[in-house]
C-alpha atoms as a PDB file:
ATOM      1  CA  MET A   1      19.104 -14.593 -16.311  1.00  0.00           C
ATOM      2  CA  ALA A   2      18.052 -17.795 -18.059  1.00  0.00           C
ATOM      3  CA  HIS A   3      18.960 -16.306 -21.431  1.00  0.00           C
ATOM      4  CA  GLU A   4      22.338 -15.051 -20.237  1.00  0.00           C
ATOM      5  CA  LEU A   5      23.236 -18.399 -18.616  1.00  0.00           C
ATOM      6  CA  GLY A   6      22.005 -20.501 -21.527  1.00  0.00           C
ATOM      7  CA  ILE A   7      19.193 -22.140 -19.552  1.00  0.00           C
ATOM      8  CA  ASP A   8      16.474 -23.402 -21.880  1.00  0.00           C
ATOM      9  CA  ASP A   9      14.142 -25.042 -19.363  1.00  0.00           C
ATOM     10  CA  VAL A  10      12.340 -22.151 -17.639  1.00  0.00           C
ATOM     11  CA  ARG A  11       9.171 -22.999 -15.699  1.00  0.00           C
ATOM     12  CA  PHE A  12       6.688 -20.649 -14.041  1.00  0.00           C
ATOM     13  CA  VAL A  13       4.524 -22.474 -11.521  1.00  0.00           C
ATOM     14  CA  GLY A  14       2.073 -19.736 -10.640  1.00  0.00           C
ATOM     15  CA  SER A  15      -1.054 -17.726 -11.262  1.00  0.00           C
ATOM     16  CA  ASN A  16      -1.746 -14.215 -12.541  1.00  0.00           C
ATOM     17  CA  ARG A  17      -4.293 -13.672  -9.793  1.00  0.00           C
ATOM     18  CA  ARG A  18      -2.978 -12.088  -6.616  1.00  0.00           C
ATOM     19  CA  GLY A  19      -4.094 -11.316  -3.098  1.00  0.00           C
ATOM     20  CA  PHE A  20      -4.102 -13.049   0.293  1.00  0.00           C
ATOM     21  CA  ARG A  21      -7.290 -15.029  -0.252  1.00  0.00           C
ATOM     22  CA  ARG A  22      -6.178 -16.136  -3.688  1.00  0.00           C
ATOM     23  CA  ALA A  23      -2.816 -17.215  -2.260  1.00  0.00           C
ATOM     24  CA  LEU A  24      -4.536 -19.550   0.209  1.00  0.00           C
ATOM     25  CA  LEU A  25      -5.945 -21.392  -2.790  1.00  0.00           C
ATOM     26  CA  ASN A  26      -2.955 -21.069  -5.100  1.00  0.00           C
ATOM     27  CA  TYR A  27      -0.031 -22.068  -2.888  1.00  0.00           C
ATOM     28  CA  PRO A  28      -1.111 -25.641  -2.035  1.00  0.00           C
ATOM     29  CA  ALA A  29      -1.730 -26.366  -5.706  1.00  0.00           C
ATOM     30  CA  GLN A  30       1.564 -24.728  -6.694  1.00  0.00           C
ATOM     31  CA  LEU A  31       3.408 -26.764  -4.052  1.00  0.00           C
ATOM     32  CA  ILE A  32       2.124 -30.011  -5.555  1.00  0.00           C
ATOM     33  CA  ARG A  33       2.893 -28.878  -9.108  1.00  0.00           C
ATOM     34  CA  THR A  34       6.409 -27.767  -8.147  1.00  0.00           C
ATOM     35  CA  ILE A  35       7.248 -31.056  -6.424  1.00  0.00           C
ATOM     36  CA  GLY A  36       5.809 -32.987  -9.363  1.00  0.00           C
ATOM     37  CA  LEU A  37       7.849 -30.936 -11.839  1.00  0.00           C
ATOM     38  CA  LEU A  38      11.079 -31.445  -9.901  1.00  0.00           C
ATOM     39  CA  MET A  39      10.581 -35.175  -9.526  1.00  0.00           C
ATOM     40  CA  ARG A  40       9.777 -35.615 -13.214  1.00  0.00           C
ATOM     41  CA  ARG A  41      12.660 -33.503 -14.501  1.00  0.00           C
ATOM     42  CA  ARG A  42      15.230 -34.399 -11.813  1.00  0.00           C
ATOM     43  CA  PRO A  43      17.420 -31.323 -12.467  1.00  0.00           C
ATOM     44  CA  ARG A  44      20.918 -31.261 -11.003  1.00  0.00           C
ATOM     45  CA  VAL A  45      20.714 -27.477 -10.567  1.00  0.00           C
ATOM     46  CA  VAL A  46      17.645 -25.362  -9.798  1.00  0.00           C
ATOM     47  CA  PHE A  47      17.365 -21.564  -9.770  1.00  0.00           C
ATOM     48  CA  VAL A  48      14.440 -20.422  -7.617  1.00  0.00           C
ATOM     49  CA  GLN A  49      13.148 -16.921  -6.959  1.00  0.00           C
ATOM     50  CA  SER A  50      12.275 -15.702  -3.473  1.00  0.00           C
ATOM     51  CA  PRO A  51       9.744 -14.408  -2.591  1.00  0.00           C
ATOM     52  CA  PRO A  52       7.701 -16.468  -2.304  1.00  0.00           C
ATOM     53  CA  SER A  53       9.920 -18.109   0.305  1.00  0.00           C
ATOM     54  CA  TYR A  54       7.762 -21.250   0.066  1.00  0.00           C
ATOM     55  CA  ALA A  55       9.202 -21.865  -3.397  1.00  0.00           C
ATOM     56  CA  ALA A  56      12.746 -21.763  -1.995  1.00  0.00           C
ATOM     57  CA  TRP A  57      11.742 -24.105   0.861  1.00  0.00           C
ATOM     58  CA  THR A  58      10.324 -26.587  -1.628  1.00  0.00           C
ATOM     59  CA  VAL A  59      13.451 -26.544  -3.777  1.00  0.00           C
ATOM     60  CA  ALA A  60      15.641 -26.899  -0.678  1.00  0.00           C
ATOM     61  CA  LEU A  61      13.649 -29.997   0.308  1.00  0.00           C
ATOM     62  CA  TYR A  62      14.246 -31.393  -3.166  1.00  0.00           C
ATOM     63  CA  GLY A  63      17.960 -30.628  -2.782  1.00  0.00           C
ATOM     64  CA  VAL A  64      18.163 -32.454   0.556  1.00  0.00           C
ATOM     65  CA  ALA A  65      16.353 -35.469  -0.891  1.00  0.00           C
ATOM     66  CA  THR A  66      18.321 -35.747  -4.143  1.00  0.00           C
ATOM     67  CA  GLY A  67      21.622 -33.938  -3.579  1.00  0.00           C
ATOM     68  CA  ALA A  68      20.786 -31.380  -6.254  1.00  0.00           C
ATOM     69  CA  ALA A  69      22.296 -27.906  -6.103  1.00  0.00           C
ATOM     70  CA  PHE A  70      20.075 -24.841  -5.952  1.00  0.00           C
ATOM     71  CA  VAL A  71      20.549 -21.094  -6.259  1.00  0.00           C
ATOM     72  CA  ILE A  72      18.164 -18.586  -4.659  1.00  0.00           C
ATOM     73  CA  ASP A  73      17.454 -15.347  -6.533  1.00  0.00           C
ATOM     74  CA  ALA A  74      16.422 -13.226  -3.532  1.00  0.00           C
ATOM     75  CA  HIS A  75      14.645  -9.912  -4.037  1.00  0.00           C
ATOM     76  CA  SER A  76      14.477  -7.211  -1.348  1.00  0.00           C
ATOM     77  CA  ASP A  77      11.083  -8.389  -0.071  1.00  0.00           C
ATOM     78  CA  ALA A  78      12.668 -11.717   0.843  1.00  0.00           C
ATOM     79  CA  PHE A  79      14.489  -9.887   3.646  1.00  0.00           C
ATOM     80  CA  GLU A  80      12.142  -7.011   4.506  1.00  0.00           C
ATOM     81  CA  ARG A  81       8.697  -8.560   4.929  1.00  0.00           C
ATOM     82  CA  ALA A  82       7.999 -10.815   7.902  1.00  0.00           C
ATOM     83  CA  ARG A  83       5.653 -13.017   5.877  1.00  0.00           C
ATOM     84  CA  TRP A  84       8.639 -14.129   3.791  1.00  0.00           C
ATOM     85  CA  THR A  85      11.257 -14.367   6.557  1.00  0.00           C
ATOM     86  CA  ARG A  86       9.325 -16.397   9.148  1.00  0.00           C
ATOM     87  CA  PRO A  87      10.182 -18.797  10.604  1.00  0.00           C
ATOM     88  CA  GLU A  88      13.688 -17.363  10.701  1.00  0.00           C
ATOM     89  CA  TRP A  89      15.375 -20.680  11.552  1.00  0.00           C
ATOM     90  CA  LEU A  90      14.019 -22.178   8.327  1.00  0.00           C
ATOM     91  CA  THR A  91      15.006 -19.150   6.233  1.00  0.00           C
ATOM     92  CA  ARG A  92      18.563 -19.404   7.574  1.00  0.00           C
ATOM     93  CA  PHE A  93      18.716 -23.163   7.064  1.00  0.00           C
ATOM     94  CA  VAL A  94      17.650 -22.823   3.417  1.00  0.00           C
ATOM     95  CA  ALA A  95      20.211 -20.033   2.832  1.00  0.00           C
ATOM     96  CA  ARG A  96      22.970 -22.258   4.248  1.00  0.00           C
ATOM     97  CA  ARG A  97      21.960 -25.161   1.985  1.00  0.00           C
ATOM     98  CA  ALA A  98      21.960 -23.039  -1.172  1.00  0.00           C
ATOM     99  CA  VAL A  99      25.056 -22.984  -3.367  1.00  0.00           C
ATOM    100  CA  LEU A 100      24.518 -19.235  -3.668  1.00  0.00           C
ATOM    101  CA  THR A 101      21.966 -16.601  -2.837  1.00  0.00           C
ATOM    102  CA  ILE A 102      21.854 -13.852  -5.450  1.00  0.00           C
ATOM    103  CA  VAL A 103      21.116 -10.433  -3.912  1.00  0.00           C
ATOM    104  CA  THR A 104      20.949  -6.903  -5.281  1.00  0.00           C
ATOM    105  CA  ASN A 105      23.403  -5.209  -2.910  1.00  0.00           C
ATOM    106  CA  GLU A 106      26.038  -5.756  -0.227  1.00  0.00           C
ATOM    107  CA  HIS A 107      23.611  -4.972   2.584  1.00  0.00           C
ATOM    108  CA  TRP A 108      21.600  -8.116   1.855  1.00  0.00           C
ATOM    109  CA  ALA A 109      24.762 -10.078   1.032  1.00  0.00           C
ATOM    110  CA  ALA A 110      26.043  -9.381   4.555  1.00  0.00           C
ATOM    111  CA  CYS A 111      22.693 -10.562   5.925  1.00  0.00           C
ATOM    112  CA  VAL A 112      22.967 -13.892   4.069  1.00  0.00           C
ATOM    113  CA  ARG A 113      26.561 -14.363   5.211  1.00  0.00           C
ATOM    114  CA  SER A 114      25.558 -13.722   8.827  1.00  0.00           C
ATOM    115  CA  TRP A 115      23.219 -16.706   8.478  1.00  0.00           C
ATOM    116  CA  GLY A 116      26.090 -18.892   7.307  1.00  0.00           C
ATOM    117  CA  GLY A 117      25.115 -18.751   3.628  1.00  0.00           C
ATOM    118  CA  THR A 118      27.082 -17.720   0.534  1.00  0.00           C
ATOM    119  CA  ALA A 119      25.970 -14.620  -1.347  1.00  0.00           C
ATOM    120  CA  ILE A 120      26.813 -12.958  -4.636  1.00  0.00           C
ATOM    121  CA  THR A 121      25.769  -9.402  -5.460  1.00  0.00           C
ATOM    122  CA  ILE A 122      24.177  -8.967  -8.895  1.00  0.00           C
ATOM    123  CA  PRO A 123      22.086  -5.772  -8.904  1.00  0.00           C
ATOM    124  CA  THR A 124      20.628  -6.557 -12.325  1.00  0.00           C
ATOM    125  CA  ILE A 125      21.524  -8.284 -15.581  1.00  0.00           C
ATOM    126  CA  PRO A 126      22.199  -6.035 -18.595  1.00  0.00           C
ATOM    127  CA  THR A 127      20.522  -7.587 -21.596  1.00  0.00           C
ATOM    128  CA  ALA A 128      18.964  -6.603 -24.903  1.00  0.00           C
ATOM    129  CA  LEU A 129      15.272  -5.727 -24.548  1.00  0.00           C
ATOM    130  CA  VAL A 130      12.587  -6.311 -27.147  1.00  0.00           C
ATOM    131  CA  ILE A 131      11.047  -2.996 -28.261  1.00  0.00           C
ATOM    132  CA  GLY A 132       7.408  -2.973 -29.355  1.00  0.00           C
ATOM    133  CA  LYS A 133       4.960  -0.142 -29.969  1.00  0.00           C
ATOM    134  CA  PRO A 134       4.523   2.672 -27.426  1.00  0.00           C
ATOM    135  CA  PRO A 135       1.088   3.970 -26.406  1.00  0.00           C
ATOM    136  CA  PRO A 136      -0.201   7.157 -28.068  1.00  0.00           C
ATOM    137  CA  MET A 137       1.923  10.089 -26.879  1.00  0.00           C
ATOM    138  CA  LYS A 138       1.869  13.864 -27.244  1.00  0.00           C
ATOM    139  CA  ALA A 139       4.604  16.056 -28.691  1.00  0.00           C
ATOM    140  CA  GLY A 140       7.035  17.744 -26.327  1.00  0.00           C
ATOM    141  CA  ILE A 141       8.874  16.410 -23.288  1.00  0.00           C
ATOM    142  CA  LYS A 142       7.712  12.884 -22.439  1.00  0.00           C
ATOM    143  CA  VAL A 143       8.184  11.341 -19.000  1.00  0.00           C
ATOM    144  CA  ALA A 144       7.520   7.658 -18.281  1.00  0.00           C
ATOM    145  CA  VAL A 145       6.592   6.841 -14.668  1.00  0.00           C
ATOM    146  CA  VAL A 146       7.184   3.214 -13.692  1.00  0.00           C
ATOM    147  CA  ASN A 147       4.295   2.286 -11.410  1.00  0.00           C
ATOM    148  CA  THR A 148       2.997  -1.051 -10.116  1.00  0.00           C
ATOM    149  CA  TRP A 149       0.729   0.279  -7.316  1.00  0.00           C
ATOM    150  CA  ALA A 150       3.230  -0.969  -4.726  1.00  0.00           C
ATOM    151  CA  ASP A 151       3.089   0.699  -1.313  1.00  0.00           C
ATOM    152  CA  ASP A 152       6.672   2.002  -1.585  1.00  0.00           C
ATOM    153  CA  GLU A 153       6.000   3.999  -4.771  1.00  0.00           C
ATOM    154  CA  PRO A 154       5.355   7.711  -4.036  1.00  0.00           C
ATOM    155  CA  LEU A 155       2.872   8.182  -6.875  1.00  0.00           C
ATOM    156  CA  ASP A 156       0.918  10.987  -5.181  1.00  0.00           C
ATOM    157  CA  GLU A 157       4.128  12.999  -4.972  1.00  0.00           C
ATOM    158  CA  VAL A 158       4.825  12.381  -8.668  1.00  0.00           C
ATOM    159  CA  LEU A 159       1.342  13.636  -9.567  1.00  0.00           C
ATOM    160  CA  ALA A 160       1.887  16.754  -7.462  1.00  0.00           C
ATOM    161  CA  ALA A 161       5.168  17.399  -9.282  1.00  0.00           C
ATOM    162  CA  ALA A 162       3.488  16.845 -12.660  1.00  0.00           C
ATOM    163  CA  ASP A 163       0.901  19.484 -11.752  1.00  0.00           C
ATOM    164  CA  GLU A 164       3.741  22.029 -11.618  1.00  0.00           C
ATOM    165  CA  LEU A 165       5.277  20.911 -14.927  1.00  0.00           C
ATOM    166  CA  PRO A 166       2.584  21.582 -17.541  1.00  0.00           C
ATOM    167  CA  GLU A 167       5.222  21.639 -20.307  1.00  0.00           C
ATOM    168  CA  MET A 168       5.827  17.903 -19.765  1.00  0.00           C
ATOM    169  CA  SER A 169       3.554  14.911 -20.470  1.00  0.00           C
ATOM    170  CA  PHE A 170       3.593  12.050 -17.971  1.00  0.00           C
ATOM    171  CA  TYR A 171       2.743   8.428 -18.807  1.00  0.00           C
ATOM    172  CA  VAL A 172       2.103   6.266 -15.749  1.00  0.00           C
ATOM    173  CA  THR A 173       2.264   2.504 -16.169  1.00  0.00           C
ATOM    174  CA  GLY A 174       0.354  -0.142 -14.206  1.00  0.00           C
ATOM    175  CA  ARG A 175      -3.027  -1.806 -14.408  1.00  0.00           C
ATOM    176  CA  GLY A 176      -5.916   0.630 -14.524  1.00  0.00           C
ATOM    177  CA  ASP A 177      -7.753  -0.718 -11.479  1.00  0.00           C
ATOM    178  CA  GLY A 178      -5.561   1.332  -9.114  1.00  0.00           C
ATOM    179  CA  VAL A 179      -6.545   4.744 -10.480  1.00  0.00           C
ATOM    180  CA  ALA A 180      -9.799   4.855  -8.512  1.00  0.00           C
ATOM    181  CA  GLY A 181      -7.866   4.684  -5.225  1.00  0.00           C
ATOM    182  CA  LEU A 182      -5.763   7.785  -5.832  1.00  0.00           C
ATOM    183  CA  ARG A 183      -6.094  10.497  -3.196  1.00  0.00           C
ATOM    184  CA  ARG A 184      -4.982  13.302  -5.497  1.00  0.00           C
ATOM    185  CA  LYS A 185      -6.713  14.761  -8.542  1.00  0.00           C
ATOM    186  CA  ILE A 186      -5.036  13.637 -11.752  1.00  0.00           C
ATOM    187  CA  PRO A 187      -3.424  16.604 -13.581  1.00  0.00           C
ATOM    188  CA  SER A 188      -4.374  17.137 -17.214  1.00  0.00           C
ATOM    189  CA  ASN A 189      -0.831  16.340 -18.407  1.00  0.00           C
ATOM    190  CA  VAL A 190      -0.868  12.850 -16.809  1.00  0.00           C
ATOM    191  CA  SER A 191      -2.054   9.730 -18.661  1.00  0.00           C
ATOM    192  CA  PHE A 192      -2.378   6.202 -17.296  1.00  0.00           C
ATOM    193  CA  THR A 193      -1.286   3.645 -19.861  1.00  0.00           C
ATOM    194  CA  GLY A 194      -2.964   0.639 -18.274  1.00  0.00           C
ATOM    195  CA  PHE A 195      -1.240  -2.708 -18.536  1.00  0.00           C
ATOM    196  CA  LEU A 196       1.331  -2.863 -21.356  1.00  0.00           C
ATOM    197  CA  SER A 197       2.955  -5.918 -22.846  1.00  0.00           C
ATOM    198  CA  GLN A 198       6.647  -6.190 -22.033  1.00  0.00           C
ATOM    199  CA  ALA A 199       7.697  -5.093 -25.528  1.00  0.00           C
ATOM    200  CA  ASP A 200       5.305  -2.108 -25.540  1.00  0.00           C
ATOM    201  CA  TYR A 201       6.436  -1.124 -22.048  1.00  0.00           C
ATOM    202  CA  HIS A 202      10.040  -1.114 -23.269  1.00  0.00           C
ATOM    203  CA  ALA A 203       8.954   1.026 -26.235  1.00  0.00           C
ATOM    204  CA  LEU A 204       7.458   3.562 -23.811  1.00  0.00           C
ATOM    205  CA  LEU A 205      10.796   3.799 -21.980  1.00  0.00           C
ATOM    206  CA  ALA A 206      12.663   4.107 -25.274  1.00  0.00           C
ATOM    207  CA  VAL A 207      10.671   7.049 -26.670  1.00  0.00           C
ATOM    208  CA  SER A 208      10.527   8.937 -23.356  1.00  0.00           C
ATOM    209  CA  ASP A 209      12.955  11.707 -22.460  1.00  0.00           C
ATOM    210  CA  ALA A 210      13.123  10.567 -18.826  1.00  0.00           C
ATOM    211  CA  VAL A 211      12.017   7.567 -16.770  1.00  0.00           C
ATOM    212  CA  VAL A 212      10.838   8.138 -13.185  1.00  0.00           C
ATOM    213  CA  CYS A 213      11.375   5.130 -10.929  1.00  0.00           C
ATOM    214  CA  LEU A 214      11.079   5.836  -7.194  1.00  0.00           C
ATOM    215  CA  THR A 215      10.922   3.946  -3.918  1.00  0.00           C
ATOM    216  CA  THR A 216      10.478   4.972  -0.283  1.00  0.00           C
ATOM    217  CA  ARG A 217      12.395   1.863   0.894  1.00  0.00           C
ATOM    218  CA  ASP A 218      16.142   1.754   1.375  1.00  0.00           C
ATOM    219  CA  HIS A 219      18.228  -1.155  -0.028  1.00  0.00           C
ATOM    220  CA  THR A 220      15.729  -1.633  -2.871  1.00  0.00           C
ATOM    221  CA  MET A 221      16.986  -1.925  -6.439  1.00  0.00           C
ATOM    222  CA  GLN A 222      14.754  -0.338  -9.099  1.00  0.00           C
ATOM    223  CA  ASN A 223      14.347  -2.695 -12.028  1.00  0.00           C
ATOM    224  CA  GLY A 224      12.475  -0.077 -14.062  1.00  0.00           C
ATOM    225  CA  ALA A 225      15.459   2.246 -13.777  1.00  0.00           C
ATOM    226  CA  CYS A 226      17.740  -0.597 -14.875  1.00  0.00           C
ATOM    227  CA  GLU A 227      15.568  -1.198 -17.935  1.00  0.00           C
ATOM    228  CA  ALA A 228      15.771   2.500 -18.777  1.00  0.00           C
ATOM    229  CA  MET A 229      19.559   2.274 -18.506  1.00  0.00           C
ATOM    230  CA  PHE A 230      19.670  -0.761 -20.829  1.00  0.00           C
ATOM    231  CA  ILE A 231      17.636   1.214 -23.372  1.00  0.00           C
ATOM    232  CA  GLY A 232      19.644   4.423 -22.920  1.00  0.00           C
ATOM    233  CA  THR A 233      17.022   6.729 -21.379  1.00  0.00           C
ATOM    234  CA  PRO A 234      18.030   9.023 -18.466  1.00  0.00           C
ATOM    235  CA  ILE A 235      16.608   8.274 -15.048  1.00  0.00           C
ATOM    236  CA  ILE A 236      14.949  10.073 -12.141  1.00  0.00           C
ATOM    237  CA  THR A 237      15.264   7.859  -9.074  1.00  0.00           C
ATOM    238  CA  SER A 238      15.371   8.039  -5.281  1.00  0.00           C
ATOM    239  CA  GLY A 239      18.536   9.100  -3.488  1.00  0.00           C
ATOM    240  CA  TRP A 240      19.183   5.856  -1.602  1.00  0.00           C
ATOM    241  CA  PRO A 241      22.846   4.730  -1.471  1.00  0.00           C
ATOM    242  CA  ILE A 242      22.192   1.516  -3.444  1.00  0.00           C
ATOM    243  CA  LEU A 243      20.807   3.532  -6.368  1.00  0.00           C
ATOM    244  CA  ARG A 244      23.511   6.206  -6.243  1.00  0.00           C
ATOM    245  CA  ASP A 245      26.212   3.519  -6.195  1.00  0.00           C
ATOM    246  CA  TYR A 246      24.760   1.550  -9.092  1.00  0.00           C
ATOM    247  CA  PHE A 247      23.738   4.234 -11.574  1.00  0.00           C
ATOM    248  CA  THR A 248      26.450   6.789 -10.687  1.00  0.00           C
ATOM    249  CA  ASP A 249      25.822   8.851 -13.881  1.00  0.00           C
ATOM    250  CA  GLY A 250      22.932   9.429 -16.252  1.00  0.00           C
ATOM    251  CA  ALA A 251      20.516   9.772 -13.348  1.00  0.00           C
ATOM    252  CA  VAL A 252      19.133  12.498 -11.087  1.00  0.00           C
ATOM    253  CA  TYR A 253      18.504  11.528  -7.459  1.00  0.00           C
ATOM    254  CA  VAL A 254      15.543  13.019  -5.629  1.00  0.00           C
ATOM    255  CA  ASP A 255      14.085  12.922  -2.131  1.00  0.00           C
ATOM    256  CA  ASN A 256      10.612  11.622  -3.107  1.00  0.00           C
ATOM    257  CA  THR A 257       8.946  14.975  -2.438  1.00  0.00           C
ATOM    258  CA  PRO A 258       6.916  16.913  -5.054  1.00  0.00           C
ATOM    259  CA  ALA A 259       9.491  19.717  -5.050  1.00  0.00           C
ATOM    260  CA  GLY A 260      12.399  17.296  -5.309  1.00  0.00           C
ATOM    261  CA  ILE A 261      10.834  15.416  -8.205  1.00  0.00           C
ATOM    262  CA  ARG A 262       9.896  18.658  -9.980  1.00  0.00           C
ATOM    263  CA  ASP A 263      13.400  20.130  -9.644  1.00  0.00           C
ATOM    264  CA  GLY A 264      15.009  16.849 -10.655  1.00  0.00           C
ATOM    265  CA  LEU A 265      13.000  16.697 -13.863  1.00  0.00           C
ATOM    266  CA  ARG A 266      13.841  20.287 -14.712  1.00  0.00           C
ATOM    267  CA  ASP A 267      17.529  19.569 -14.120  1.00  0.00           C
ATOM    268  CA  LEU A 268      17.491  16.434 -16.291  1.00  0.00           C
ATOM    269  CA  THR A 269      15.505  17.836 -19.204  1.00  0.00           C
ATOM    270  CA  GLY A 270      17.605  21.003 -19.169  1.00  0.00           C
ATOM    271  CA  SER A 271      20.755  18.932 -19.885  1.00  0.00           C
ATOM    272  CA  LEU A 272      19.181  16.013 -21.717  1.00  0.00           C
ATOM    273  CA  GLY A 273      22.042  15.381 -24.133  1.00  0.00           C
ATOM    274  CA  ARG A 274      24.585  15.072 -21.321  1.00  0.00           C
ATOM    275  CA  TYR A 275      22.431  12.687 -19.302  1.00  0.00           C
ATOM    276  CA  ARG A 276      21.827  10.490 -22.353  1.00  0.00           C
ATOM    277  CA  ARG A 277      25.559  10.177 -22.965  1.00  0.00           C
ATOM    278  CA  GLU A 278      26.211   9.402 -19.320  1.00  0.00           C
ATOM    279  CA  VAL A 279      23.571   6.689 -18.956  1.00  0.00           C
ATOM    280  CA  ARG A 280      24.984   4.861 -21.993  1.00  0.00           C
ATOM    281  CA  LYS A 281      28.485   4.929 -20.470  1.00  0.00           C
ATOM    282  CA  VAL A 282      27.098   3.428 -17.254  1.00  0.00           C
ATOM    283  CA  ARG A 283      25.418   0.699 -19.303  1.00  0.00           C
ATOM    284  CA  VAL A 284      28.778  -0.321 -20.786  1.00  0.00           C
ATOM    285  CA  ARG A 285      30.382  -0.515 -17.324  1.00  0.00           C
ATOM    286  CA  ARG A 286      27.559  -2.637 -15.938  1.00  0.00           C
ATOM    287  CA  GLN A 287      27.772  -5.004 -18.903  1.00  0.00           C
ATOM    288  CA  ARG A 288      31.448  -5.619 -18.105  1.00  0.00           C
ATOM    289  CA  GLU A 289      30.636  -6.218 -14.430  1.00  0.00           C
ATOM    290  CA  TRP A 290      27.928  -8.718 -15.321  1.00  0.00           C
ATOM    291  CA  LYS A 291      30.399 -10.791 -17.367  1.00  0.00           C
ATOM    292  CA  ALA A 292      32.635 -11.085 -14.292  1.00  0.00           C
ATOM    293  CA  SER A 293      29.652 -11.949 -12.072  1.00  0.00           C
ATOM    294  CA  ARG A 294      28.483 -14.583 -14.548  1.00  0.00           C
ATOM    295  CA  GLN A 295      31.863 -16.294 -14.391  1.00  0.00           C
ATOM    296  CA  ALA A 296      31.799 -16.275 -10.586  1.00  0.00           C
ATOM    297  CA  LEU A 297      28.237 -17.626 -10.535  1.00  0.00           C
ATOM    298  CA  THR A 298      28.854 -20.487 -12.959  1.00  0.00           C
ATOM    299  CA  GLY A 299      32.178 -21.278 -11.291  1.00  0.00           C
ATOM    300  CA  LYS A 300      30.485 -21.784  -7.914  1.00  0.00           C
ATOM    301  CA  ILE A 301      27.877 -24.088  -9.443  1.00  0.00           C
ATOM    302  CA  GLU A 302      30.437 -26.149 -11.349  1.00  0.00           C
ATOM    303  CA  ALA A 303      32.531 -26.537  -8.203  1.00  0.00           C
ATOM    304  CA  ARG A 304      29.459 -27.729  -6.299  1.00  0.00           C
ATOM    305  CA  LEU A 305      28.646 -30.283  -8.988  1.00  0.00           C
ATOM    306  CA  GLY A 306      32.227 -31.525  -9.081  1.00  0.00           C
END
């Protein structure tokens, strides 16, 4: 987003270490650093991602104190998890103060509007991705599985499907420390890549014949599937309305069961040329839509600044 909007000053006030206990230590320090950064830089416009909602609260406080405008980039968790929505009165107040809240679909846009806020729907931002070097891969049909060990990713079901597709090789992303917690035996045609740099991860998507990106939660955009679309690789994703509406073509929608995933992969790889052509056409349409959204976004900010 920063690249597409011409924003040069991008700051990440955070830590690579995660977990509840770590957050108790990190958040107070990040609060102080964020306030210090804002007061030193005195920006007239701030884009802030939520979650964590505490970051949006901090920026809203800065906006009240200085009159600065701010835009919230709200991901699905910002609406679905109680730890990010409580207290609700404060969440609604911050949404009303924001110039805009960027959401991934109309469901969350309606939620923001019901709070008295202004929302704009931008499912994702089509952009050029840096391609690095993929991990070692076997010959034959290659399937990339986007995995972050999140609780809405049906990885066990993907492994069960892979067990029935010995002619395909599966490459599962994500840090290696989650492998020990798997309940299912890992099939011989499945490899775990471990953590990949962003460029190498993009290379994996580029050389794969299909990218599997699934979620058990409705109203949840799949960024991994969007990245596959930007690169031009066909997609296997869940059959939620938000995903069907956004990808439309170049994707096979499955019901997150082993049989559904297996049949979806067979369907896609059996007509690979057609799906590749379709996903590239969708990419062009989404690029046009983003240009219109960018104009609406910048127009709202300019109007707020006068």
